[in-house]
Amino acid sequence: MKLKASNSATMVATFALAVLGVTASHAPVHAETTRHMDADLRAGVYTDAEGLAIGGGLLTPLGLQSGWFFNPNIEVVMPDGDNVLALNGDFHYDFPTSGSLSPYVGGGPALLHRSGDTNLGLNVLAGLAGLQGEVRPFVQLKGVFSDNSDVALMGGVRF
Protein backbone atom coordinates (compact mmCIF):
# COMPACT_ATOMS: atom_id res chain seq x y z
CA MET A 1 0.00 0.00 0.00
CA LYS A 2 1.50 3.33 -1.03
CA LEU A 3 0.94 6.46 1.03
CA LYS A 4 1.26 10.04 -0.13
CA ALA A 5 4.50 11.82 0.76
CA SER A 6 2.54 14.46 2.71
CA ASN A 7 1.30 11.72 5.03
CA SER A 8 4.78 10.21 5.48
CA ALA A 9 5.90 12.38 8.37
CA THR A 10 2.61 11.85 10.21
CA MET A 11 2.77 8.08 9.69
CA VAL A 12 6.41 7.86 10.84
CA ALA A 13 5.70 9.96 13.93
CA THR A 14 2.57 7.95 14.80
CA PHE A 15 4.40 4.64 14.39
CA ALA A 16 7.36 5.84 16.51
CA LEU A 17 5.06 7.04 19.30
CA ALA A 18 3.15 3.75 19.28
CA VAL A 19 6.40 1.77 19.52
CA LEU A 20 7.64 3.94 22.39
CA GLY A 21 4.30 3.68 24.20
CA VAL A 22 4.14 -0.11 24.03
CA THR A 23 7.80 -0.44 24.98
CA ALA A 24 7.52 1.94 27.94
CA SER A 25 4.44 0.11 29.25
CA HIS A 26 6.48 -3.11 29.45
CA ALA A 27 9.59 -1.61 31.06
CA PRO A 28 10.51 -3.26 34.39
CA VAL A 29 9.70 -1.60 37.67
CA HIS A 30 11.98 -3.77 39.83
CA ALA A 31 14.87 -5.61 38.18
CA GLU A 32 14.76 -8.34 40.84
CA THR A 33 11.21 -9.41 39.98
CA THR A 34 11.03 -8.88 36.21
CA ARG A 35 13.04 -9.56 33.12
CA HIS A 36 14.61 -6.46 31.67
CA MET A 37 14.62 -4.64 28.36
CA ASP A 38 17.75 -4.98 26.21
CA ALA A 39 19.09 -2.90 23.34
CA ASP A 40 20.43 -4.33 20.10
CA LEU A 41 22.72 -3.18 17.34
CA ARG A 42 22.43 -4.86 13.94
CA ALA A 43 23.94 -4.93 10.47
CA GLY A 44 23.34 -7.01 7.38
CA VAL A 45 22.14 -7.03 3.79
CA TYR A 46 18.82 -6.56 2.02
CA THR A 47 19.13 -8.79 -1.04
CA ASP A 48 16.68 -7.10 -3.43
CA ALA A 49 17.78 -3.57 -2.56
CA GLU A 50 21.37 -4.80 -2.92
CA GLY A 51 22.44 -2.66 -0.01
CA LEU A 52 24.02 -2.87 3.39
CA ALA A 53 21.82 -2.15 6.36
CA ILE A 54 22.53 -0.90 9.86
CA GLY A 55 20.15 -0.37 12.73
CA GLY A 56 19.17 -0.86 16.31
CA GLY A 57 16.26 -1.87 18.45
CA LEU A 58 14.89 -2.79 21.83
CA LEU A 59 14.09 -6.28 23.07
CA THR A 60 11.25 -6.25 25.59
CA PRO A 61 9.94 -9.42 27.26
CA LEU A 62 6.16 -9.79 27.33
CA GLY A 63 5.43 -11.33 30.72
CA LEU A 64 7.66 -12.96 33.34
CA GLN A 65 7.53 -16.58 32.16
CA SER A 66 6.56 -16.10 28.51
CA GLY A 67 8.86 -16.80 25.57
CA TRP A 68 7.32 -13.82 23.73
CA PHE A 69 9.24 -10.62 23.03
CA PHE A 70 8.47 -7.27 21.43
CA ASN A 71 11.45 -6.13 19.32
CA PRO A 72 10.77 -2.70 17.77
CA ASN A 73 13.69 -1.67 15.58
CA ILE A 74 14.86 0.70 12.90
CA GLU A 75 17.04 -0.21 9.93
CA VAL A 76 18.60 2.05 7.31
CA VAL A 77 19.35 0.28 4.03
CA MET A 78 22.02 1.96 1.93
CA PRO A 79 21.85 0.71 -1.67
CA ASP A 80 23.59 2.44 -4.58
CA GLY A 81 20.58 4.75 -5.06
CA ASP A 82 18.21 6.15 -2.44
CA ASN A 83 18.37 5.01 1.17
CA VAL A 84 15.48 3.03 2.62
CA LEU A 85 14.29 3.62 6.18
CA ALA A 86 12.47 0.67 7.78
CA LEU A 87 10.60 1.04 11.07
CA ASN A 88 9.62 -2.42 12.35
CA GLY A 89 7.28 -3.49 15.14
CA ASP A 90 8.38 -7.12 15.37
CA PHE A 91 7.24 -9.73 17.87
CA HIS A 92 8.92 -13.10 18.24
CA TYR A 93 8.72 -16.30 20.23
CA ASP A 94 11.91 -17.84 21.66
CA PHE A 95 11.67 -21.61 21.85
CA PRO A 96 12.63 -23.10 25.24
CA THR A 97 16.10 -24.61 25.30
CA SER A 98 18.60 -25.88 27.82
CA GLY A 99 21.56 -24.75 25.70
CA SER A 100 23.25 -21.40 25.21
CA LEU A 101 21.39 -20.63 21.94
CA SER A 102 17.67 -20.17 21.36
CA PRO A 103 15.88 -20.37 18.00
CA TYR A 104 13.01 -17.93 17.48
CA VAL A 105 10.27 -17.11 14.95
CA GLY A 106 8.05 -14.10 14.59
CA GLY A 107 6.83 -11.20 12.54
CA GLY A 108 5.25 -7.81 12.66
CA PRO A 109 4.32 -4.64 10.81
CA ALA A 110 6.83 -2.55 8.89
CA LEU A 111 6.79 1.06 7.71
CA LEU A 112 9.16 1.53 4.75
CA HIS A 113 10.19 4.97 3.48
CA ARG A 114 12.10 5.51 0.22
CA SER A 115 12.31 8.50 -2.14
CA GLY A 116 9.24 10.27 -0.79
CA ASP A 117 7.10 7.09 -0.85
CA THR A 118 5.98 5.36 2.32
CA ASN A 119 4.72 1.78 2.19
CA LEU A 120 3.28 -0.53 4.78
CA GLY A 121 4.65 -4.05 4.95
CA LEU A 122 4.73 -7.25 6.94
CA ASN A 123 7.86 -8.92 8.31
CA VAL A 124 8.19 -12.68 8.79
CA LEU A 125 11.39 -13.74 10.54
CA ALA A 126 13.38 -16.59 12.04
CA GLY A 127 16.57 -16.38 14.01
CA LEU A 128 19.01 -17.77 16.51
CA ALA A 129 20.09 -15.83 19.60
CA GLY A 130 22.69 -16.26 22.33
CA LEU A 131 21.31 -16.54 25.84
CA GLN A 132 24.38 -16.10 28.06
CA GLY A 133 26.50 -13.10 28.93
CA GLU A 134 26.01 -9.37 28.97
CA VAL A 135 26.59 -9.14 25.20
CA ARG A 136 24.73 -11.82 23.23
CA PRO A 137 24.99 -12.35 19.46
CA PHE A 138 22.02 -13.03 17.19
CA VAL A 139 21.41 -13.77 13.52
CA GLN A 140 18.07 -13.47 11.74
CA LEU A 141 16.56 -14.06 8.31
CA LYS A 142 13.64 -11.77 7.52
CA GLY A 143 11.16 -11.62 4.65
CA VAL A 144 9.68 -8.17 4.11
CA PHE A 145 6.38 -8.30 2.21
CA SER A 146 5.33 -4.93 0.72
CA ASP A 147 5.14 -3.12 -2.63
CA ASN A 148 8.91 -3.73 -2.84
CA SER A 149 9.29 -7.09 -1.08
CA ASP A 150 12.77 -8.06 0.08
CA VAL A 151 14.78 -10.59 2.08
CA ALA A 152 17.17 -9.43 4.76
CA LEU A 153 19.95 -11.31 6.52
CA MET A 154 20.84 -9.45 9.71
CA GLY A 155 23.17 -10.13 12.60
CA GLY A 156 24.14 -8.23 15.67
CA VAL A 157 24.46 -8.12 19.42
CA ARG A 158 22.03 -7.60 22.29
CA PHE A 159 23.13 -6.04 25.53
C-alpha atoms as a PDB file:
ATOM      1  CA  MET A   1       0.000   0.000   0.000  1.00  0.00           C
ATOM      2  CA  LYS A   2       1.500   3.333  -1.025  1.00  0.00           C
ATOM      3  CA  LEU A   3       0.944   6.461   1.033  1.00  0.00           C
ATOM      4  CA  LYS A   4       1.257  10.043  -0.131  1.00  0.00           C
ATOM      5  CA  ALA A   5       4.497  11.822   0.756  1.00  0.00           C
ATOM      6  CA  SER A   6       2.539  14.461   2.714  1.00  0.00           C
ATOM      7  CA  ASN A   7       1.303  11.717   5.035  1.00  0.00           C
ATOM      8  CA  SER A   8       4.779  10.215   5.476  1.00  0.00           C
ATOM      9  CA  ALA A   9       5.898  12.381   8.373  1.00  0.00           C
ATOM     10  CA  THR A  10       2.609  11.849  10.205  1.00  0.00           C
ATOM     11  CA  MET A  11       2.768   8.081   9.694  1.00  0.00           C
ATOM     12  CA  VAL A  12       6.409   7.864  10.839  1.00  0.00           C
ATOM     13  CA  ALA A  13       5.697   9.964  13.931  1.00  0.00           C
ATOM     14  CA  THR A  14       2.575   7.951  14.802  1.00  0.00           C
ATOM     15  CA  PHE A  15       4.404   4.640  14.387  1.00  0.00           C
ATOM     16  CA  ALA A  16       7.359   5.842  16.508  1.00  0.00           C
ATOM     17  CA  LEU A  17       5.057   7.042  19.302  1.00  0.00           C
ATOM     18  CA  ALA A  18       3.153   3.746  19.282  1.00  0.00           C
ATOM     19  CA  VAL A  19       6.397   1.766  19.519  1.00  0.00           C
ATOM     20  CA  LEU A  20       7.639   3.940  22.387  1.00  0.00           C
ATOM     21  CA  GLY A  21       4.300   3.676  24.197  1.00  0.00           C
ATOM     22  CA  VAL A  22       4.136  -0.110  24.033  1.00  0.00           C
ATOM     23  CA  THR A  23       7.800  -0.438  24.981  1.00  0.00           C
ATOM     24  CA  ALA A  24       7.518   1.937  27.937  1.00  0.00           C
ATOM     25  CA  SER A  25       4.438   0.110  29.246  1.00  0.00           C
ATOM     26  CA  HIS A  26       6.479  -3.111  29.450  1.00  0.00           C
ATOM     27  CA  ALA A  27       9.590  -1.611  31.063  1.00  0.00           C
ATOM     28  CA  PRO A  28      10.512  -3.256  34.388  1.00  0.00           C
ATOM     29  CA  VAL A  29       9.703  -1.596  37.670  1.00  0.00           C
ATOM     30  CA  HIS A  30      11.984  -3.766  39.826  1.00  0.00           C
ATOM     31  CA  ALA A  31      14.868  -5.608  38.183  1.00  0.00           C
ATOM     32  CA  GLU A  32      14.758  -8.341  40.841  1.00  0.00           C
ATOM     33  CA  THR A  33      11.208  -9.415  39.976  1.00  0.00           C
ATOM     34  CA  THR A  34      11.026  -8.882  36.214  1.00  0.00           C
ATOM     35  CA  ARG A  35      13.045  -9.558  33.118  1.00  0.00           C
ATOM     36  CA  HIS A  36      14.614  -6.456  31.673  1.00  0.00           C
ATOM     37  CA  MET A  37      14.625  -4.637  28.364  1.00  0.00           C
ATOM     38  CA  ASP A  38      17.751  -4.982  26.205  1.00  0.00           C
ATOM     39  CA  ALA A  39      19.090  -2.902  23.344  1.00  0.00           C
ATOM     40  CA  ASP A  40      20.434  -4.329  20.101  1.00  0.00           C
ATOM     41  CA  LEU A  41      22.725  -3.176  17.336  1.00  0.00           C
ATOM     42  CA  ARG A  42      22.432  -4.862  13.940  1.00  0.00           C
ATOM     43  CA  ALA A  43      23.937  -4.933  10.474  1.00  0.00           C
ATOM     44  CA  GLY A  44      23.342  -7.011   7.378  1.00  0.00           C
ATOM     45  CA  VAL A  45      22.135  -7.030   3.787  1.00  0.00           C
ATOM     46  CA  TYR A  46      18.820  -6.561   2.022  1.00  0.00           C
ATOM     47  CA  THR A  47      19.131  -8.794  -1.038  1.00  0.00           C
ATOM     48  CA  ASP A  48      16.683  -7.102  -3.427  1.00  0.00           C
ATOM     49  CA  ALA A  49      17.779  -3.569  -2.561  1.00  0.00           C
ATOM     50  CA  GLU A  50      21.370  -4.800  -2.915  1.00  0.00           C
ATOM     51  CA  GLY A  51      22.438  -2.664  -0.009  1.00  0.00           C
ATOM     52  CA  LEU A  52      24.024  -2.871   3.390  1.00  0.00           C
ATOM     53  CA  ALA A  53      21.815  -2.152   6.363  1.00  0.00           C
ATOM     54  CA  ILE A  54      22.535  -0.896   9.862  1.00  0.00           C
ATOM     55  CA  GLY A  55      20.153  -0.366  12.727  1.00  0.00           C
ATOM     56  CA  GLY A  56      19.171  -0.863  16.305  1.00  0.00           C
ATOM     57  CA  GLY A  57      16.257  -1.870  18.453  1.00  0.00           C
ATOM     58  CA  LEU A  58      14.885  -2.787  21.834  1.00  0.00           C
ATOM     59  CA  LEU A  59      14.086  -6.284  23.067  1.00  0.00           C
ATOM     60  CA  THR A  60      11.248  -6.249  25.588  1.00  0.00           C
ATOM     61  CA  PRO A  61       9.942  -9.424  27.260  1.00  0.00           C
ATOM     62  CA  LEU A  62       6.163  -9.792  27.330  1.00  0.00           C
ATOM     63  CA  GLY A  63       5.434 -11.334  30.721  1.00  0.00           C
ATOM     64  CA  LEU A  64       7.658 -12.961  33.340  1.00  0.00           C
ATOM     65  CA  GLN A  65       7.532 -16.578  32.160  1.00  0.00           C
ATOM     66  CA  SER A  66       6.561 -16.103  28.511  1.00  0.00           C
ATOM     67  CA  GLY A  67       8.863 -16.797  25.569  1.00  0.00           C
ATOM     68  CA  TRP A  68       7.318 -13.817  23.726  1.00  0.00           C
ATOM     69  CA  PHE A  69       9.244 -10.621  23.027  1.00  0.00           C
ATOM     70  CA  PHE A  70       8.473  -7.268  21.430  1.00  0.00           C
ATOM     71  CA  ASN A  71      11.445  -6.126  19.322  1.00  0.00           C
ATOM     72  CA  PRO A  72      10.772  -2.695  17.766  1.00  0.00           C
ATOM     73  CA  ASN A  73      13.687  -1.674  15.577  1.00  0.00           C
ATOM     74  CA  ILE A  74      14.858   0.696  12.899  1.00  0.00           C
ATOM     75  CA  GLU A  75      17.042  -0.211   9.928  1.00  0.00           C
ATOM     76  CA  VAL A  76      18.600   2.048   7.312  1.00  0.00           C
ATOM     77  CA  VAL A  77      19.348   0.276   4.034  1.00  0.00           C
ATOM     78  CA  MET A  78      22.022   1.958   1.929  1.00  0.00           C
ATOM     79  CA  PRO A  79      21.852   0.708  -1.672  1.00  0.00           C
ATOM     80  CA  ASP A  80      23.591   2.445  -4.578  1.00  0.00           C
ATOM     81  CA  GLY A  81      20.579   4.746  -5.059  1.00  0.00           C
ATOM     82  CA  ASP A  82      18.206   6.149  -2.444  1.00  0.00           C
ATOM     83  CA  ASN A  83      18.367   5.015   1.168  1.00  0.00           C
ATOM     84  CA  VAL A  84      15.484   3.032   2.623  1.00  0.00           C
ATOM     85  CA  LEU A  85      14.287   3.620   6.183  1.00  0.00           C
ATOM     86  CA  ALA A  86      12.472   0.665   7.779  1.00  0.00           C
ATOM     87  CA  LEU A  87      10.599   1.038  11.071  1.00  0.00           C
ATOM     88  CA  ASN A  88       9.624  -2.419  12.348  1.00  0.00           C
ATOM     89  CA  GLY A  89       7.283  -3.489  15.142  1.00  0.00           C
ATOM     90  CA  ASP A  90       8.383  -7.119  15.367  1.00  0.00           C
ATOM     91  CA  PHE A  91       7.235  -9.734  17.866  1.00  0.00           C
ATOM     92  CA  HIS A  92       8.922 -13.099  18.238  1.00  0.00           C
ATOM     93  CA  TYR A  93       8.719 -16.296  20.234  1.00  0.00           C
ATOM     94  CA  ASP A  94      11.912 -17.841  21.662  1.00  0.00           C
ATOM     95  CA  PHE A  95      11.668 -21.609  21.848  1.00  0.00           C
ATOM     96  CA  PRO A  96      12.626 -23.100  25.241  1.00  0.00           C
ATOM     97  CA  THR A  97      16.096 -24.605  25.296  1.00  0.00           C
ATOM     98  CA  SER A  98      18.603 -25.881  27.820  1.00  0.00           C
ATOM     99  CA  GLY A  99      21.558 -24.745  25.696  1.00  0.00           C
ATOM    100  CA  SER A 100      23.248 -21.403  25.207  1.00  0.00           C
ATOM    101  CA  LEU A 101      21.392 -20.625  21.939  1.00  0.00           C
ATOM    102  CA  SER A 102      17.668 -20.171  21.358  1.00  0.00           C
ATOM    103  CA  PRO A 103      15.876 -20.368  18.001  1.00  0.00           C
ATOM    104  CA  TYR A 104      13.011 -17.926  17.484  1.00  0.00           C
ATOM    105  CA  VAL A 105      10.268 -17.114  14.954  1.00  0.00           C
ATOM    106  CA  GLY A 106       8.054 -14.101  14.589  1.00  0.00           C
ATOM    107  CA  GLY A 107       6.835 -11.202  12.536  1.00  0.00           C
ATOM    108  CA  GLY A 108       5.253  -7.807  12.664  1.00  0.00           C
ATOM    109  CA  PRO A 109       4.322  -4.641  10.809  1.00  0.00           C
ATOM    110  CA  ALA A 110       6.832  -2.550   8.887  1.00  0.00           C
ATOM    111  CA  LEU A 111       6.791   1.056   7.711  1.00  0.00           C
ATOM    112  CA  LEU A 112       9.160   1.528   4.749  1.00  0.00           C
ATOM    113  CA  HIS A 113      10.186   4.971   3.475  1.00  0.00           C
ATOM    114  CA  ARG A 114      12.102   5.505   0.219  1.00  0.00           C
ATOM    115  CA  SER A 115      12.310   8.496  -2.143  1.00  0.00           C
ATOM    116  CA  GLY A 116       9.240  10.267  -0.789  1.00  0.00           C
ATOM    117  CA  ASP A 117       7.102   7.089  -0.846  1.00  0.00           C
ATOM    118  CA  THR A 118       5.980   5.356   2.316  1.00  0.00           C
ATOM    119  CA  ASN A 119       4.717   1.782   2.188  1.00  0.00           C
ATOM    120  CA  LEU A 120       3.282  -0.533   4.783  1.00  0.00           C
ATOM    121  CA  GLY A 121       4.655  -4.048   4.954  1.00  0.00           C
ATOM    122  CA  LEU A 122       4.730  -7.248   6.936  1.00  0.00           C
ATOM    123  CA  ASN A 123       7.859  -8.919   8.307  1.00  0.00           C
ATOM    124  CA  VAL A 124       8.189 -12.682   8.787  1.00  0.00           C
ATOM    125  CA  LEU A 125      11.390 -13.744  10.538  1.00  0.00           C
ATOM    126  CA  ALA A 126      13.376 -16.591  12.043  1.00  0.00           C
ATOM    127  CA  GLY A 127      16.572 -16.377  14.014  1.00  0.00           C
ATOM    128  CA  LEU A 128      19.014 -17.773  16.508  1.00  0.00           C
ATOM    129  CA  ALA A 129      20.087 -15.832  19.602  1.00  0.00           C
ATOM    130  CA  GLY A 130      22.686 -16.264  22.328  1.00  0.00           C
ATOM    131  CA  LEU A 131      21.307 -16.538  25.845  1.00  0.00           C
ATOM    132  CA  GLN A 132      24.376 -16.098  28.062  1.00  0.00           C
ATOM    133  CA  GLY A 133      26.501 -13.105  28.925  1.00  0.00           C
ATOM    134  CA  GLU A 134      26.009  -9.370  28.968  1.00  0.00           C
ATOM    135  CA  VAL A 135      26.587  -9.144  25.203  1.00  0.00           C
ATOM    136  CA  ARG A 136      24.735 -11.815  23.228  1.00  0.00           C
ATOM    137  CA  PRO A 137      24.987 -12.351  19.455  1.00  0.00           C
ATOM    138  CA  PHE A 138      22.015 -13.025  17.193  1.00  0.00           C
ATOM    139  CA  VAL A 139      21.407 -13.770  13.519  1.00  0.00           C
ATOM    140  CA  GLN A 140      18.074 -13.473  11.739  1.00  0.00           C
ATOM    141  CA  LEU A 141      16.565 -14.055   8.307  1.00  0.00           C
ATOM    142  CA  LYS A 142      13.640 -11.773   7.515  1.00  0.00           C
ATOM    143  CA  GLY A 143      11.163 -11.624   4.647  1.00  0.00           C
ATOM    144  CA  VAL A 144       9.678  -8.168   4.110  1.00  0.00           C
ATOM    145  CA  PHE A 145       6.383  -8.296   2.208  1.00  0.00           C
ATOM    146  CA  SER A 146       5.333  -4.930   0.724  1.00  0.00           C
ATOM    147  CA  ASP A 147       5.140  -3.124  -2.628  1.00  0.00           C
ATOM    148  CA  ASN A 148       8.907  -3.732  -2.839  1.00  0.00           C
ATOM    149  CA  SER A 149       9.294  -7.095  -1.083  1.00  0.00           C
ATOM    150  CA  ASP A 150      12.772  -8.061   0.081  1.00  0.00           C
ATOM    151  CA  VAL A 151      14.778 -10.588   2.077  1.00  0.00           C
ATOM    152  CA  ALA A 152      17.172  -9.433   4.760  1.00  0.00           C
ATOM    153  CA  LEU A 153      19.953 -11.314   6.521  1.00  0.00           C
ATOM    154  CA  MET A 154      20.835  -9.447   9.709  1.00  0.00           C
ATOM    155  CA  GLY A 155      23.171 -10.128  12.596  1.00  0.00           C
ATOM    156  CA  GLY A 156      24.141  -8.233  15.675  1.00  0.00           C
ATOM    157  CA  VAL A 157      24.462  -8.124  19.421  1.00  0.00           C
ATOM    158  CA  ARG A 158      22.028  -7.596  22.286  1.00  0.00           C
ATOM    159  CA  PHE A 159      23.133  -6.035  25.532  1.00  0.00           C
END
